[in-house]
Amino acid sequence: MTLTTGWKRGQAALLGTLVAATLALTGQPATAAPYPGGGGAPDAGSGAMNTAFSAAAAEFDVPRDLLVAVGYGETHLDGHGGRPSQANGYGVMHLVSQPKHKTLERAAKLTGESVTDLKKDTAANIRGAAAVLRAVADEQGLDATDRDSLAEWYPVAAEYGAATNDRTARLYADTAYDLLNKGLRAQAAGNEQVLVKARKVTPDRGKYASIASDLGVLSDDYPAALWVPASTSNYQTGRTAAINKVVVHVTQGSYAGSISWFQNPSSQVSAHYVIRSSDGQVTQMVRDANTAWHARSANASSIGIEHEGFVADPSWFTDSMYRSSAALTRHLTAKYGIPRTRTGVVGHSEVPGNDHTDPGANWNWTYYMSLVNGGSGDPGPGPGTSFPTWGTGVSIRQDTTTTSAQVASLAGPTTVKVQCQKRGQLVNYQGYSNDAWSYLPDYGGYISNIFIDVSDAWLPGVPNC
């Protein structure tokens, strides 16, 4: 058996036919895992998106990694073919065109790019975002020295998000700076990797330093949630029917962007709860007793739960999100006597009179409903050591080969428990090579160690199977 020397996902030459296509879906946009840096990591900087980020950063004197972090926080670097987000934002950098916030139109004026190109062309979109960030930096008085310091750009990132208020603006900026501190490795279209090395950044928050970072007080309806009210223009007080179902949505936008949009009186939409992808944080925006505008014919009789992300990109659907949402749904079904079945818990697309597709084919209903019906949803102390993963659509196999039966899959980066590890089929993927496989007791199968996001090919402290 062969084990690649050096860092397990180092610059090893491919040793055979690319068999990992059966392990991870290809062509999916921008999956990411924290990237701490270190020797042997794949080279950064090549490819169309990397070139666009570097060129825009140089042209407008904006930190390249800040551009990447802002874009990843908004869209996971997926332009969605020029289609708008729920908040009418476009491209990998989410340039918005709203009644009171028009970063899209501002980018067109600053760069001379057409609005059409800014919506659909990734390089133009990134260039437009860099121009807007630089213009905001100039307005805030950042000089050349300030622009060389990532810490000074925090208020600029906060304003770029076009938030409805300062508290939500801080959420935008905190998302970007969390990514800068953790680092990230994003897999964009065409298997291009976009890297940001982790570094310690203590941002100068300026006026946002005094703003609470937790958004609001805790919810009365669901104590695990934060309470951040939607605009009163976006829901109806009271109900005309008894609550009899939970409707699962996908935001088609970021967590901060969705919260801001529901606070915007021009949106005319809302949901009761919004759940963050990275850690499952829950924010309630409409009281259970009131009618949120989220599902047309089901508004009066349902509770709407929005999940951060985009229907076509499974990287948003993390285990943290599934578990947090399932805990909320268990609470709601118990409180209102809703059956814990697919008649009581439905997707937006399943509600009569709706033309939406969410949560879509990438939402794992089987796993979600097992959590809804499985008690606390907490994996508990069970056997194994926890490790982070990376990649999209990563298959968990019955045995340590890519041809054995698939028993489950990981939609995007998450955390798994590894009970033991053993040698198996050599897997080559994007220059990474490994014949070590880990057994995941929570799923009853094996995953190639290529997709365990640590610096060793053979996991430290994990026994042999």
Protein backbone atom coordinates (compact mmCIF):
# COMPACT_ATOMS: atom_id res chain seq x y z
CA MET A 1 0.00 0.00 0.00
CA THR A 2 1.18 3.50 -0.75
CA LEU A 3 0.93 6.62 1.34
CA THR A 4 1.89 9.96 -0.20
CA THR A 5 4.86 11.48 1.57
CA GLY A 6 4.73 14.97 2.99
CA TRP A 7 1.48 16.78 3.54
CA LYS A 8 -1.28 14.41 2.49
CA ARG A 9 -2.77 16.77 -0.06
CA GLY A 10 0.58 18.04 -1.25
CA GLN A 11 1.71 18.50 -4.80
CA ALA A 12 1.85 14.81 -5.54
CA ALA A 13 1.62 13.80 -9.17
CA LEU A 14 -1.47 11.86 -10.11
CA LEU A 15 -0.62 8.18 -9.80
CA GLY A 16 -3.35 6.83 -12.00
CA THR A 17 -6.77 7.45 -13.44
CA LEU A 18 -8.79 9.97 -11.50
CA VAL A 19 -11.10 7.71 -9.52
CA ALA A 20 -12.26 10.25 -6.99
CA ALA A 21 -14.98 11.45 -9.33
CA THR A 22 -17.00 8.68 -7.72
CA LEU A 23 -16.20 10.15 -4.31
CA ALA A 24 -16.90 13.85 -4.86
CA LEU A 25 -19.18 15.54 -7.36
CA THR A 26 -17.35 17.59 -9.94
CA GLY A 27 -18.50 20.86 -11.44
CA GLN A 28 -20.05 22.02 -8.17
CA PRO A 29 -19.23 25.60 -7.23
CA ALA A 30 -17.05 26.71 -4.38
CA THR A 31 -16.83 24.25 -1.57
CA ALA A 32 -14.54 25.35 1.20
CA ALA A 33 -12.81 24.23 4.34
CA PRO A 34 -10.53 26.18 6.63
CA TYR A 35 -7.07 26.44 5.11
CA PRO A 36 -4.41 27.08 7.76
CA GLY A 37 -1.51 27.25 5.33
CA GLY A 38 1.69 25.30 5.74
CA GLY A 39 4.09 23.43 3.53
CA GLY A 40 2.92 21.32 0.65
CA ALA A 41 -0.41 23.06 0.13
CA PRO A 42 -1.62 23.35 -3.47
CA ASP A 43 -0.37 26.40 -5.33
CA ALA A 44 -2.71 29.40 -5.27
CA GLY A 45 -3.16 32.01 -7.93
CA SER A 46 -3.84 30.08 -11.12
CA GLY A 47 -7.15 30.05 -12.96
CA ALA A 48 -9.62 32.64 -14.16
CA MET A 49 -11.13 33.50 -10.77
CA ASN A 50 -7.77 33.80 -9.02
CA THR A 51 -6.57 36.04 -11.83
CA ALA A 52 -9.67 38.21 -11.53
CA PHE A 53 -9.24 38.62 -7.77
CA SER A 54 -5.56 39.51 -8.11
CA ALA A 55 -6.11 41.96 -10.96
CA ALA A 56 -9.00 43.75 -9.25
CA ALA A 57 -7.10 43.95 -5.97
CA ALA A 58 -4.10 45.50 -7.70
CA GLU A 59 -6.16 47.93 -9.80
CA PHE A 60 -8.10 49.37 -6.87
CA ASP A 61 -5.59 48.78 -4.04
CA VAL A 62 -7.95 46.51 -2.12
CA PRO A 63 -6.56 43.49 -0.21
CA ARG A 64 -7.02 40.43 -2.37
CA ASP A 65 -7.90 38.17 0.57
CA LEU A 66 -10.54 40.63 1.78
CA LEU A 67 -12.16 40.48 -1.66
CA VAL A 68 -12.21 36.68 -1.51
CA ALA A 69 -13.57 36.59 2.05
CA VAL A 70 -16.35 39.08 1.30
CA GLY A 71 -17.36 37.15 -1.81
CA TYR A 72 -17.21 33.75 -0.14
CA GLY A 73 -19.29 34.95 2.78
CA GLU A 74 -21.99 36.12 0.36
CA THR A 75 -22.09 33.43 -2.32
CA HIS A 76 -19.40 30.74 -1.77
CA LEU A 77 -17.93 32.30 -4.94
CA ASP A 78 -20.78 31.08 -7.13
CA GLY A 79 -22.27 33.60 -9.56
CA HIS A 80 -25.35 31.41 -10.20
CA GLY A 81 -25.29 32.17 -13.90
CA GLY A 82 -26.25 35.80 -13.42
CA ARG A 83 -29.47 34.95 -11.58
CA PRO A 84 -30.30 37.23 -8.63
CA SER A 85 -30.35 36.24 -5.00
CA GLN A 86 -33.49 36.72 -2.93
CA ALA A 87 -32.17 40.20 -2.06
CA ASN A 88 -31.59 41.03 -5.74
CA GLY A 89 -27.83 40.62 -5.55
CA TYR A 90 -25.72 39.42 -8.48
CA GLY A 91 -22.51 37.55 -9.12
CA VAL A 92 -19.87 36.07 -6.84
CA MET A 93 -19.56 39.42 -5.03
CA HIS A 94 -23.32 39.93 -4.59
CA LEU A 95 -23.64 43.40 -6.08
CA VAL A 96 -27.16 44.49 -5.14
CA SER A 97 -29.81 46.53 -6.90
CA GLN A 98 -32.38 47.54 -4.30
CA PRO A 99 -34.48 50.69 -3.80
CA LYS A 100 -32.09 52.08 -1.17
CA HIS A 101 -28.90 50.13 -1.87
CA LYS A 102 -27.41 50.05 -5.36
CA THR A 103 -23.90 48.66 -5.30
CA LEU A 104 -24.56 47.14 -8.73
CA GLU A 105 -25.30 50.49 -10.34
CA ARG A 106 -22.47 52.12 -8.39
CA ALA A 107 -20.02 49.52 -9.68
CA ALA A 108 -21.16 50.24 -13.26
CA LYS A 109 -20.54 53.96 -12.79
CA LEU A 110 -17.12 53.45 -11.17
CA THR A 111 -15.78 50.92 -13.67
CA GLY A 112 -17.57 51.65 -16.96
CA GLU A 113 -18.71 48.01 -17.04
CA SER A 114 -22.27 47.41 -18.20
CA VAL A 115 -24.84 46.28 -15.66
CA THR A 116 -25.37 43.16 -17.77
CA ASP A 117 -21.68 42.24 -17.62
CA LEU A 118 -21.51 42.97 -13.91
CA LYS A 119 -24.37 40.53 -13.37
CA LYS A 120 -23.05 37.68 -15.51
CA ASP A 121 -19.30 38.06 -16.02
CA THR A 122 -17.30 36.92 -13.00
CA ALA A 123 -14.22 39.04 -13.71
CA ALA A 124 -16.35 42.15 -14.23
CA ASN A 125 -18.32 41.39 -11.06
CA ILE A 126 -15.15 41.05 -8.97
CA ARG A 127 -13.72 44.22 -10.51
CA GLY A 128 -16.95 46.07 -9.75
CA ALA A 129 -16.90 44.96 -6.12
CA ALA A 130 -13.28 46.05 -5.73
CA ALA A 131 -14.18 49.48 -7.13
CA VAL A 132 -17.07 49.84 -4.67
CA LEU A 133 -14.91 48.76 -1.73
CA ARG A 134 -12.21 51.26 -2.70
CA ALA A 135 -14.77 54.05 -3.10
CA VAL A 136 -16.16 53.32 0.38
CA ALA A 137 -12.61 53.22 1.76
CA ASP A 138 -11.93 56.65 0.28
CA GLU A 139 -15.15 58.01 1.77
CA GLN A 140 -14.11 56.67 5.15
CA GLY A 141 -10.69 58.31 4.89
CA LEU A 142 -8.43 55.28 4.48
CA ASP A 143 -5.06 56.42 3.14
CA ALA A 144 -2.43 54.29 1.40
CA THR A 145 -0.99 53.09 4.71
CA ASP A 146 -4.43 52.18 6.05
CA ARG A 147 -5.21 50.25 2.87
CA ASP A 148 -2.21 48.01 3.50
CA SER A 149 -3.73 46.89 6.82
CA LEU A 150 -6.53 44.33 6.76
CA ALA A 151 -7.61 45.50 10.21
CA GLU A 152 -8.56 48.94 8.83
CA TRP A 153 -10.96 47.58 6.23
CA TYR A 154 -13.55 46.29 8.72
CA PRO A 155 -15.92 49.31 8.52
CA VAL A 156 -15.61 49.20 4.72
CA ALA A 157 -16.67 45.54 4.63
CA ALA A 158 -19.56 46.35 6.96
CA GLU A 159 -20.84 49.10 4.67
CA TYR A 160 -20.36 47.02 1.51
CA GLY A 161 -23.02 44.56 2.70
CA ALA A 162 -25.71 47.25 2.24
CA ALA A 163 -27.30 46.30 5.55
CA THR A 164 -30.46 47.88 6.85
CA ASN A 165 -28.83 48.80 10.17
CA ASP A 166 -25.46 48.83 11.94
CA ARG A 167 -26.12 45.61 13.84
CA THR A 168 -26.66 43.63 10.66
CA ALA A 169 -23.74 45.43 9.02
CA ARG A 170 -21.50 44.10 11.76
CA LEU A 171 -22.72 40.59 10.96
CA TYR A 172 -21.57 41.03 7.34
CA ALA A 173 -18.12 42.20 8.39
CA ASP A 174 -17.71 39.60 11.13
CA THR A 175 -18.39 36.87 8.58
CA ALA A 176 -15.57 38.13 6.34
CA TYR A 177 -13.10 38.54 9.18
CA ASP A 178 -13.90 35.13 10.61
CA LEU A 179 -12.92 33.69 7.23
CA LEU A 180 -9.70 35.74 7.18
CA ASN A 181 -8.74 34.43 10.60
CA LYS A 182 -9.59 30.80 9.84
CA GLY A 183 -8.41 30.80 6.25
CA LEU A 184 -10.29 29.02 3.51
CA ARG A 185 -9.86 26.79 0.53
CA ALA A 186 -12.71 27.20 -1.95
CA GLN A 187 -13.26 24.98 -4.97
CA ALA A 188 -14.79 27.15 -7.66
CA ALA A 189 -16.14 26.25 -11.10
CA GLY A 190 -13.80 24.15 -13.22
CA ASN A 191 -12.12 22.68 -10.10
CA GLU A 192 -10.18 25.91 -9.59
CA GLN A 193 -9.00 26.35 -6.02
CA VAL A 194 -9.09 29.77 -4.39
CA LEU A 195 -7.06 29.95 -1.18
CA VAL A 196 -6.87 32.37 1.71
CA LYS A 197 -4.21 31.62 4.29
CA ALA A 198 -5.21 31.92 7.93
CA ARG A 199 -3.76 34.87 9.76
CA LYS A 200 -4.49 36.64 13.02
CA VAL A 201 -6.42 39.81 12.23
CA THR A 202 -7.79 41.98 15.02
CA PRO A 203 -10.11 44.32 13.16
CA ASP A 204 -10.50 47.99 13.96
CA ARG A 205 -14.29 47.98 14.15
CA GLY A 206 -14.64 51.73 14.54
CA LYS A 207 -18.25 52.68 15.23
CA TYR A 208 -19.25 49.00 15.08
CA ALA A 209 -17.20 48.14 18.17
CA SER A 210 -20.04 49.20 20.44
CA ILE A 211 -22.63 47.20 18.48
CA ALA A 212 -23.59 43.88 20.06
CA SER A 213 -22.14 41.01 18.06
CA ASP A 214 -25.04 38.67 18.86
CA LEU A 215 -27.58 40.75 16.89
CA GLY A 216 -30.29 40.81 19.53
CA VAL A 217 -31.90 39.41 22.64
CA LEU A 218 -32.96 35.79 22.88
CA SER A 219 -36.30 34.72 21.44
CA ASP A 220 -39.30 34.17 23.70
CA ASP A 221 -40.72 31.52 21.34
CA TYR A 222 -37.52 29.50 21.01
CA PRO A 223 -34.86 30.37 23.61
CA ALA A 224 -32.01 28.96 21.49
CA ALA A 225 -32.69 31.65 18.86
CA LEU A 226 -31.76 35.31 18.70
CA TRP A 227 -34.63 37.75 18.26
CA VAL A 228 -34.21 40.25 15.42
CA PRO A 229 -37.60 41.51 14.22
CA ALA A 230 -38.46 41.79 10.56
CA SER A 231 -39.99 45.00 9.25
CA THR A 232 -43.65 45.25 10.19
CA SER A 233 -44.28 45.85 6.48
CA ASN A 234 -43.25 42.27 5.74
CA TYR A 235 -45.67 40.18 7.82
CA GLN A 236 -49.20 40.20 9.21
CA THR A 237 -50.00 40.40 12.90
CA GLY A 238 -51.96 37.38 14.11
CA ARG A 239 -53.17 34.29 12.21
CA THR A 240 -56.35 33.18 10.51
CA ALA A 241 -55.63 29.45 10.82
CA ALA A 242 -54.07 27.00 13.26
CA ILE A 243 -50.39 26.11 12.78
CA ASN A 244 -50.20 22.64 11.20
CA LYS A 245 -46.93 22.48 9.27
CA VAL A 246 -43.28 23.55 9.08
CA VAL A 247 -42.05 24.81 5.70
CA VAL A 248 -38.35 24.33 4.86
CA HIS A 249 -36.79 27.05 2.69
CA VAL A 250 -33.37 27.94 1.29
CA THR A 251 -32.62 31.66 1.39
CA GLN A 252 -30.97 32.03 -2.03
CA GLY A 253 -28.57 34.37 -0.27
CA SER A 254 -26.39 34.74 2.80
CA TYR A 255 -27.47 34.72 6.43
CA ALA A 256 -26.70 38.40 6.95
CA GLY A 257 -28.23 39.29 3.61
CA SER A 258 -31.46 37.47 4.40
CA ILE A 259 -31.79 39.09 7.81
CA SER A 260 -31.20 42.48 6.23
CA TRP A 261 -33.72 41.76 3.45
CA PHE A 262 -36.45 40.79 5.89
CA GLN A 263 -35.78 44.07 7.72
CA ASN A 264 -36.18 46.00 4.47
CA PRO A 265 -39.80 47.22 4.16
CA SER A 266 -39.63 47.07 0.36
CA SER A 267 -39.02 43.30 0.29
CA GLN A 268 -42.58 42.26 1.24
CA VAL A 269 -41.28 38.85 2.39
CA SER A 270 -40.22 37.28 5.68
CA ALA A 271 -39.82 34.01 7.52
CA HIS A 272 -40.14 33.09 11.16
CA TYR A 273 -36.58 31.73 11.48
CA VAL A 274 -33.26 31.96 9.63
CA ILE A 275 -30.43 29.45 10.19
CA ARG A 276 -26.73 30.03 9.49
CA SER A 277 -24.75 27.48 7.49
CA SER A 278 -21.41 27.60 9.29
CA ASP A 279 -22.55 26.88 12.84
CA GLY A 280 -26.34 26.53 12.84
CA GLN A 281 -27.02 29.84 14.60
CA VAL A 282 -30.77 30.57 14.64
CA THR A 283 -32.37 34.01 14.36
CA GLN A 284 -36.10 34.47 14.77
CA MET A 285 -37.59 37.39 12.84
CA VAL A 286 -41.37 36.89 13.09
CA ARG A 287 -43.17 35.63 16.19
CA ASP A 288 -44.80 32.24 15.86
CA ALA A 289 -48.17 33.83 16.56
CA ASN A 290 -47.86 36.12 13.54
CA THR A 291 -48.13 35.34 9.83
CA ALA A 292 -44.83 35.54 7.97
CA TRP A 293 -45.00 35.95 4.19
CA HIS A 294 -43.00 32.99 2.96
CA ALA A 295 -45.20 30.34 1.34
CA ARG A 296 -48.29 31.94 -0.19
CA SER A 297 -51.16 29.49 0.40
CA ALA A 298 -49.52 28.09 3.55
CA ASN A 299 -48.68 31.40 5.21
CA ALA A 300 -51.57 31.36 7.67
CA SER A 301 -51.03 27.76 8.82
CA SER A 302 -47.26 27.32 8.83
CA ILE A 303 -43.94 28.22 10.39
CA GLY A 304 -41.25 29.12 7.85
CA ILE A 305 -37.59 28.20 8.40
CA GLU A 306 -35.05 29.73 6.02
CA HIS A 307 -31.64 28.04 5.62
CA GLU A 308 -28.66 30.08 4.46
CA GLY A 309 -27.46 29.13 1.00
CA PHE A 310 -28.43 28.47 -2.58
CA VAL A 311 -30.47 25.54 -3.88
CA ALA A 312 -27.91 24.49 -6.49
CA ASP A 313 -24.90 24.54 -4.15
CA PRO A 314 -24.84 21.73 -1.53
CA SER A 315 -21.79 23.19 0.21
CA TRP A 316 -24.12 25.38 2.27
CA PHE A 317 -26.00 22.41 3.78
CA THR A 318 -23.68 21.57 6.66
CA ASP A 319 -24.23 19.07 9.41
CA SER A 320 -24.40 21.95 11.90
CA MET A 321 -27.25 23.47 9.91
CA TYR A 322 -29.15 20.18 9.60
CA ARG A 323 -28.87 19.45 13.32
CA SER A 324 -29.78 22.97 14.42
CA SER A 325 -32.76 23.09 12.08
CA ALA A 326 -33.94 19.64 13.15
CA ALA A 327 -33.81 20.69 16.80
CA LEU A 328 -35.95 23.73 15.98
CA THR A 329 -38.40 21.61 13.99
CA ARG A 330 -38.66 19.09 16.84
CA HIS A 331 -39.51 21.97 19.16
CA LEU A 332 -42.15 23.36 16.79
CA THR A 333 -43.77 20.01 16.06
CA ALA A 334 -44.02 19.24 19.78
CA LYS A 335 -45.37 22.69 20.63
CA TYR A 336 -48.04 22.79 17.93
CA GLY A 337 -48.89 19.10 17.60
CA ILE A 338 -47.52 18.84 14.04
CA PRO A 339 -46.78 15.29 12.82
CA ARG A 340 -43.07 14.56 12.41
CA THR A 341 -43.63 13.22 8.93
CA ARG A 342 -43.26 14.61 5.41
CA THR A 343 -46.89 15.73 5.59
CA GLY A 344 -46.15 17.97 8.56
CA VAL A 345 -42.65 19.04 7.50
CA VAL A 346 -42.62 20.11 3.85
CA GLY A 347 -40.45 21.94 1.37
CA HIS A 348 -41.38 25.31 -0.09
CA SER A 349 -41.73 23.66 -3.48
CA GLU A 350 -44.34 21.26 -2.09
CA VAL A 351 -46.76 23.96 -0.94
CA PRO A 352 -49.67 24.41 -3.39
CA GLY A 353 -49.59 27.62 -5.40
CA ASN A 354 -45.82 28.14 -5.18
CA ASP A 355 -43.34 28.39 -8.03
CA HIS A 356 -40.16 27.98 -5.95
CA THR A 357 -37.85 24.96 -6.09
CA ASP A 358 -36.34 25.08 -2.60
CA PRO A 359 -35.00 23.29 -0.73
CA GLY A 360 -34.14 21.37 -3.93
CA ALA A 361 -32.49 18.09 -4.81
CA ASN A 362 -29.39 18.75 -2.69
CA TRP A 363 -31.37 18.89 0.54
CA ASN A 364 -31.04 15.53 2.31
CA TRP A 365 -34.59 14.87 3.45
CA THR A 366 -33.79 11.36 4.70
CA TYR A 367 -31.05 12.60 7.00
CA TYR A 368 -33.02 15.67 8.08
CA MET A 369 -36.14 13.73 9.02
CA SER A 370 -34.07 11.13 10.86
CA LEU A 371 -32.73 13.99 12.99
CA VAL A 372 -36.20 15.46 13.45
CA ASN A 373 -37.38 12.09 14.76
CA GLY A 374 -34.18 11.20 16.59
CA GLY A 375 -34.46 13.05 19.88
CA SER A 376 -31.88 15.72 20.64
CA GLY A 377 -30.03 15.49 17.34
CA ASP A 378 -26.81 15.67 19.35
CA PRO A 379 -24.34 13.02 18.13
CA GLY A 380 -23.42 12.48 21.78
CA PRO A 381 -20.18 11.09 23.13
CA GLY A 382 -20.20 7.98 20.86
CA PRO A 383 -17.02 6.29 19.67
CA GLY A 384 -14.52 8.23 17.66
CA THR A 385 -12.52 11.43 17.33
CA SER A 386 -13.98 14.49 15.58
CA PHE A 387 -12.30 15.83 12.43
CA PRO A 388 -13.32 18.50 9.88
CA THR A 389 -13.96 17.52 6.25
CA TRP A 390 -13.79 19.35 2.94
CA GLY A 391 -15.33 18.80 -0.50
CA THR A 392 -18.83 18.54 -1.92
CA GLY A 393 -20.90 15.39 -2.42
CA VAL A 394 -18.27 13.22 -0.75
CA SER A 395 -19.39 9.58 -0.74
CA ILE A 396 -19.27 7.34 2.31
CA ARG A 397 -18.67 3.78 1.12
CA GLN A 398 -19.53 0.36 2.52
CA ASP A 399 -15.89 -0.67 2.17
CA THR A 400 -12.55 1.01 1.46
CA THR A 401 -12.99 1.17 -2.32
CA THR A 402 -14.66 3.66 -4.65
CA THR A 403 -16.66 0.83 -6.25
CA SER A 404 -18.30 -0.43 -3.08
CA ALA A 405 -21.85 0.62 -2.26
CA GLN A 406 -22.48 4.21 -1.23
CA VAL A 407 -24.14 4.26 2.20
CA ALA A 408 -24.34 8.05 2.62
CA SER A 409 -22.76 11.28 1.41
CA LEU A 410 -21.56 14.58 2.86
CA ALA A 411 -23.15 17.51 1.04
CA GLY A 412 -20.44 19.96 2.03
CA PRO A 413 -17.74 20.66 4.62
CA THR A 414 -18.75 19.41 8.07
CA THR A 415 -17.38 17.57 11.11
CA VAL A 416 -17.38 13.78 11.40
CA LYS A 417 -16.41 11.26 14.05
CA VAL A 418 -13.73 8.76 13.05
CA GLN A 419 -13.66 5.47 14.98
CA CYS A 420 -10.71 3.83 13.23
CA GLN A 421 -8.76 3.83 9.96
CA LYS A 422 -7.30 1.28 7.57
CA ARG A 423 -5.56 0.93 4.23
CA GLY A 424 -7.68 0.51 1.14
CA GLN A 425 -7.86 1.57 -2.51
CA LEU A 426 -5.42 4.29 -3.52
CA VAL A 427 -7.41 7.42 -4.33
CA ASN A 428 -6.07 10.27 -6.47
CA TYR A 429 -7.93 13.58 -6.59
CA GLN A 430 -6.82 17.04 -7.79
CA GLY A 431 -3.17 16.19 -7.18
CA TYR A 432 -3.84 14.57 -3.80
CA SER A 433 -3.07 10.90 -3.26
CA ASN A 434 -3.91 8.64 -0.33
CA ASP A 435 -4.75 5.00 0.41
CA ALA A 436 -5.96 5.60 3.98
CA TRP A 437 -9.68 5.37 4.77
CA SER A 438 -11.59 6.31 7.93
CA TYR A 439 -14.58 4.49 9.39
CA LEU A 440 -17.42 6.84 10.41
CA PRO A 441 -19.64 5.11 13.00
CA ASP A 442 -22.44 7.67 12.67
CA TYR A 443 -22.83 6.73 9.00
CA GLY A 444 -21.76 3.09 9.02
CA GLY A 445 -19.17 3.43 6.27
CA TYR A 446 -15.75 4.64 5.12
CA ILE A 447 -14.48 7.94 3.71
CA SER A 448 -11.16 8.46 1.95
CA ASN A 449 -8.76 10.37 4.20
CA ILE A 450 -8.20 12.77 1.32
CA PHE A 451 -11.40 14.48 2.44
CA ILE A 452 -10.46 14.69 6.13
CA ASP A 453 -9.13 18.22 6.51
CA VAL A 454 -6.01 17.75 8.62
CA SER A 455 -2.34 17.95 7.76
CA ASP A 456 -1.55 14.23 8.06
CA ALA A 457 -2.48 11.48 5.64
CA TRP A 458 -2.76 8.97 8.49
CA LEU A 459 -4.94 10.58 11.18
CA PRO A 460 -3.11 11.14 14.47
CA GLY A 461 -4.44 9.37 17.52
CA VAL A 462 -6.88 7.18 15.57
CA PRO A 463 -6.42 3.39 15.93
CA ASN A 464 -6.33 0.86 13.11
CA CYS A 465 -9.56 -0.92 12.22
